[in-house]
């Protein structure tokens, strides 16, 4: 499944690429991102994130750690190992406590434990986005 919001608003300078497989969380993220004026693309199952990043040119990537075929940490590692994408901020979130222990191996910029406060998520996203 692919969800894209490409509406332009005054504050929609930022593009976020999300990989999440929980439809209820996707619905919540869509609502929050629309309120904040972000442009976003959501995928629920990805094996290779590099072509997506190349196509959508996100300012930030938001990854669930637990995904059907590959974990979010491995997707983050794909991004951080390529010179053209290594500087894109990556936030990984998870309810799995073991995910936090292995994050140093993946190079993510921030980890958020689930469940998380939506206002805090927006604050953390904004803190990693470049200033316009």
C-alpha atoms as a PDB file:
ATOM      1  CA  UNK A   1       0.000   0.000   0.000  1.00  0.00           C
ATOM      2  CA  UNK A   2       1.175   3.492  -0.800  1.00  0.00           C
ATOM      3  CA  UNK A   3      -0.294   6.682   0.635  1.00  0.00           C
ATOM      4  CA  UNK A   4       0.826  10.034  -0.691  1.00  0.00           C
ATOM      5  CA  UNK A   5      -0.148  13.530   0.391  1.00  0.00           C
ATOM      6  CA  UNK A   6       1.442  16.032  -1.920  1.00  0.00           C
ATOM      7  CA  UNK A   7      -0.775  19.029  -1.141  1.00  0.00           C
ATOM      8  CA  UNK A   8       1.230  22.219  -0.962  1.00  0.00           C
ATOM      9  CA  UNK A   9       0.598  24.642   1.879  1.00  0.00           C
ATOM     10  CA  UNK A  10       2.622  27.472   3.394  1.00  0.00           C
ATOM     11  CA  UNK A  11       4.349  25.029   5.720  1.00  0.00           C
ATOM     12  CA  UNK A  12       4.666  22.079   3.368  1.00  0.00           C
ATOM     13  CA  UNK A  13       8.297  22.601   2.530  1.00  0.00           C
ATOM     14  CA  UNK A  14       9.097  19.338   4.315  1.00  0.00           C
ATOM     15  CA  UNK A  15       8.631  15.839   2.934  1.00  0.00           C
ATOM     16  CA  UNK A  16       8.514  12.807   5.210  1.00  0.00           C
ATOM     17  CA  UNK A  17       8.844   9.208   4.068  1.00  0.00           C
ATOM     18  CA  UNK A  18       7.249   6.706   6.467  1.00  0.00           C
ATOM     19  CA  UNK A  19       7.475   2.912   6.571  1.00  0.00           C
ATOM     20  CA  UNK A  20       4.715   1.573   8.846  1.00  0.00           C
ATOM     21  CA  UNK A  21       2.527  -1.524   8.544  1.00  0.00           C
ATOM     22  CA  UNK A  22      -0.106  -0.795  11.230  1.00  0.00           C
ATOM     23  CA  UNK A  23      -3.101   0.792   9.488  1.00  0.00           C
ATOM     24  CA  UNK A  24      -4.438   2.418  12.664  1.00  0.00           C
ATOM     25  CA  UNK A  25      -1.099   4.191  13.215  1.00  0.00           C
ATOM     26  CA  UNK A  26      -0.958   5.136   9.527  1.00  0.00           C
ATOM     27  CA  UNK A  27      -4.371   6.806   9.900  1.00  0.00           C
ATOM     28  CA  UNK A  28      -3.160   8.749  12.949  1.00  0.00           C
ATOM     29  CA  UNK A  29       0.092   9.810  11.283  1.00  0.00           C
ATOM     30  CA  UNK A  30      -1.803  10.993   8.195  1.00  0.00           C
ATOM     31  CA  UNK A  31      -4.026  13.181  10.355  1.00  0.00           C
ATOM     32  CA  UNK A  32      -1.096  14.635  12.304  1.00  0.00           C
ATOM     33  CA  UNK A  33       0.997  15.258   9.190  1.00  0.00           C
ATOM     34  CA  UNK A  34      -1.894  16.980   7.434  1.00  0.00           C
ATOM     35  CA  UNK A  35      -2.461  19.216  10.483  1.00  0.00           C
ATOM     36  CA  UNK A  36       1.243  20.112  10.481  1.00  0.00           C
ATOM     37  CA  UNK A  37       1.279  20.740   6.734  1.00  0.00           C
ATOM     38  CA  UNK A  38       3.896  18.102   5.924  1.00  0.00           C
ATOM     39  CA  UNK A  39       3.953  16.349   2.585  1.00  0.00           C
ATOM     40  CA  UNK A  40       4.314  12.634   3.196  1.00  0.00           C
ATOM     41  CA  UNK A  41       4.567   9.248   1.560  1.00  0.00           C
ATOM     42  CA  UNK A  42       3.736   6.091   3.516  1.00  0.00           C
ATOM     43  CA  UNK A  43       4.691   2.541   2.598  1.00  0.00           C
ATOM     44  CA  UNK A  44       3.656  -0.488   4.638  1.00  0.00           C
ATOM     45  CA  UNK A  45       6.256  -2.964   3.374  1.00  0.00           C
ATOM     46  CA  UNK A  46       9.675  -2.156   1.938  1.00  0.00           C
ATOM     47  CA  UNK A  47      12.779  -4.253   1.309  1.00  0.00           C
ATOM     48  CA  UNK A  48      14.976  -1.601  -0.316  1.00  0.00           C
ATOM     49  CA  UNK A  49      14.455   1.980   0.804  1.00  0.00           C
ATOM     50  CA  UNK A  50      17.052   3.606  -1.451  1.00  0.00           C
ATOM     51  CA  UNK A  51      14.913   3.740  -4.643  1.00  0.00           C
ATOM     52  CA  UNK A  52      12.063   5.283  -2.626  1.00  0.00           C
ATOM     53  CA  UNK A  53      14.331   7.927  -1.146  1.00  0.00           C
ATOM     54  CA  UNK A  54      15.754   8.630  -4.585  1.00  0.00           C
ATOM     55  CA  UNK A  55      12.259   9.083  -6.018  1.00  0.00           C
ATOM     56  CA  UNK A  56      10.629  11.067  -3.184  1.00  0.00           C
ATOM     57  CA  UNK A  57      13.656  13.014  -1.861  1.00  0.00           C
ATOM     58  CA  UNK A  58      12.404  13.172   1.751  1.00  0.00           C
ATOM     59  CA  UNK A  59      13.699  15.617   4.345  1.00  0.00           C
ATOM     60  CA  UNK A  60      13.180  12.989   7.060  1.00  0.00           C
ATOM     61  CA  UNK A  61      12.471   9.253   7.253  1.00  0.00           C
ATOM     62  CA  UNK A  62      10.258   7.735   9.957  1.00  0.00           C
ATOM     63  CA  UNK A  63      10.538   3.956  10.415  1.00  0.00           C
ATOM     64  CA  UNK A  64       8.760   1.403  12.529  1.00  0.00           C
ATOM     65  CA  UNK A  65      11.349  -1.058  13.811  1.00  0.00           C
ATOM     66  CA  UNK A  66       9.128  -4.141  13.522  1.00  0.00           C
ATOM     67  CA  UNK A  67       8.080  -4.658   9.905  1.00  0.00           C
ATOM     68  CA  UNK A  68       6.945  -7.769   7.988  1.00  0.00           C
ATOM     69  CA  UNK A  69      10.079  -8.638   5.993  1.00  0.00           C
ATOM     70  CA  UNK A  70      12.932  -6.409   7.202  1.00  0.00           C
ATOM     71  CA  UNK A  71      13.340  -4.363  10.357  1.00  0.00           C
ATOM     72  CA  UNK A  72      13.460  -0.588  10.369  1.00  0.00           C
ATOM     73  CA  UNK A  73      17.034  -0.680  11.606  1.00  0.00           C
ATOM     74  CA  UNK A  74      18.157  -2.464   8.453  1.00  0.00           C
ATOM     75  CA  UNK A  75      16.333   0.123   6.332  1.00  0.00           C
ATOM     76  CA  UNK A  76      18.072   2.876   8.304  1.00  0.00           C
ATOM     77  CA  UNK A  77      21.408   1.165   7.753  1.00  0.00           C
ATOM     78  CA  UNK A  78      20.745   1.157   3.995  1.00  0.00           C
ATOM     79  CA  UNK A  79      20.269   4.935   4.102  1.00  0.00           C
ATOM     80  CA  UNK A  80      23.204   5.690   6.364  1.00  0.00           C
ATOM     81  CA  UNK A  81      25.633   3.603   4.294  1.00  0.00           C
ATOM     82  CA  UNK A  82      25.257   5.661   1.093  1.00  0.00           C
ATOM     83  CA  UNK A  83      26.913   9.060   0.751  1.00  0.00           C
ATOM     84  CA  UNK A  84      23.924  10.661  -0.996  1.00  0.00           C
ATOM     85  CA  UNK A  85      21.455   9.671   1.736  1.00  0.00           C
ATOM     86  CA  UNK A  86      23.545   9.399   4.902  1.00  0.00           C
ATOM     87  CA  UNK A  87      22.611  12.896   6.091  1.00  0.00           C
ATOM     88  CA  UNK A  88      18.838  12.387   5.889  1.00  0.00           C
ATOM     89  CA  UNK A  89      17.520  12.303   9.480  1.00  0.00           C
ATOM     90  CA  UNK A  90      15.998   8.958  10.465  1.00  0.00           C
ATOM     91  CA  UNK A  91      13.657   8.370  13.405  1.00  0.00           C
ATOM     92  CA  UNK A  92      12.961   4.780  14.427  1.00  0.00           C
ATOM     93  CA  UNK A  93      10.123   3.945  16.798  1.00  0.00           C
ATOM     94  CA  UNK A  94       9.200   0.668  18.444  1.00  0.00           C
ATOM     95  CA  UNK A  95       7.487  -0.989  21.366  1.00  0.00           C
ATOM     96  CA  UNK A  96      10.167  -3.707  21.315  1.00  0.00           C
ATOM     97  CA  UNK A  97      12.712  -3.026  24.086  1.00  0.00           C
ATOM     98  CA  UNK A  98      15.430  -4.988  22.264  1.00  0.00           C
ATOM     99  CA  UNK A  99      15.199  -2.545  19.352  1.00  0.00           C
ATOM    100  CA  UNK A 100      16.672   0.223  21.478  1.00  0.00           C
ATOM    101  CA  UNK A 101      19.690  -1.915  22.383  1.00  0.00           C
ATOM    102  CA  UNK A 102      20.666  -2.481  18.746  1.00  0.00           C
ATOM    103  CA  UNK A 103      20.113   1.051  17.436  1.00  0.00           C
ATOM    104  CA  UNK A 104      23.780   2.016  17.602  1.00  0.00           C
ATOM    105  CA  UNK A 105      24.435  -0.539  14.899  1.00  0.00           C
ATOM    106  CA  UNK A 106      22.001   1.139  12.512  1.00  0.00           C
ATOM    107  CA  UNK A 107      22.909   4.820  12.834  1.00  0.00           C
ATOM    108  CA  UNK A 108      19.451   6.322  13.368  1.00  0.00           C
ATOM    109  CA  UNK A 109      19.260   9.921  14.544  1.00  0.00           C
ATOM    110  CA  UNK A 110      16.551   9.340  17.129  1.00  0.00           C
ATOM    111  CA  UNK A 111      14.630   6.501  18.761  1.00  0.00           C
ATOM    112  CA  UNK A 112      11.109   6.958  20.125  1.00  0.00           C
ATOM    113  CA  UNK A 113       9.551   4.228  22.284  1.00  0.00           C
ATOM    114  CA  UNK A 114       5.935   3.258  21.562  1.00  0.00           C
ATOM    115  CA  UNK A 115       3.417   4.271  22.591  1.00  0.00           C
ATOM    116  CA  UNK A 116       4.442   7.865  21.970  1.00  0.00           C
ATOM    117  CA  UNK A 117       2.807  11.235  22.458  1.00  0.00           C
ATOM    118  CA  UNK A 118       1.889  12.772  19.091  1.00  0.00           C
ATOM    119  CA  UNK A 119       2.883  16.285  20.150  1.00  0.00           C
ATOM    120  CA  UNK A 120       6.270  14.930  21.210  1.00  0.00           C
ATOM    121  CA  UNK A 121       6.629  13.143  17.862  1.00  0.00           C
ATOM    122  CA  UNK A 122       5.957  16.400  15.988  1.00  0.00           C
ATOM    123  CA  UNK A 123       8.413  18.248  18.228  1.00  0.00           C
ATOM    124  CA  UNK A 124      11.120  15.644  17.565  1.00  0.00           C
ATOM    125  CA  UNK A 125      10.427  15.655  13.824  1.00  0.00           C
ATOM    126  CA  UNK A 126      10.688  19.444  13.752  1.00  0.00           C
ATOM    127  CA  UNK A 127      13.938  19.350  15.726  1.00  0.00           C
ATOM    128  CA  UNK A 128      15.550  17.181  13.027  1.00  0.00           C
ATOM    129  CA  UNK A 129      14.221  19.035   9.991  1.00  0.00           C
ATOM    130  CA  UNK A 130      16.490  21.624   8.403  1.00  0.00           C
ATOM    131  CA  UNK A 131      15.518  25.234   8.969  1.00  0.00           C
ATOM    132  CA  UNK A 132      14.115  26.892   5.888  1.00  0.00           C
END
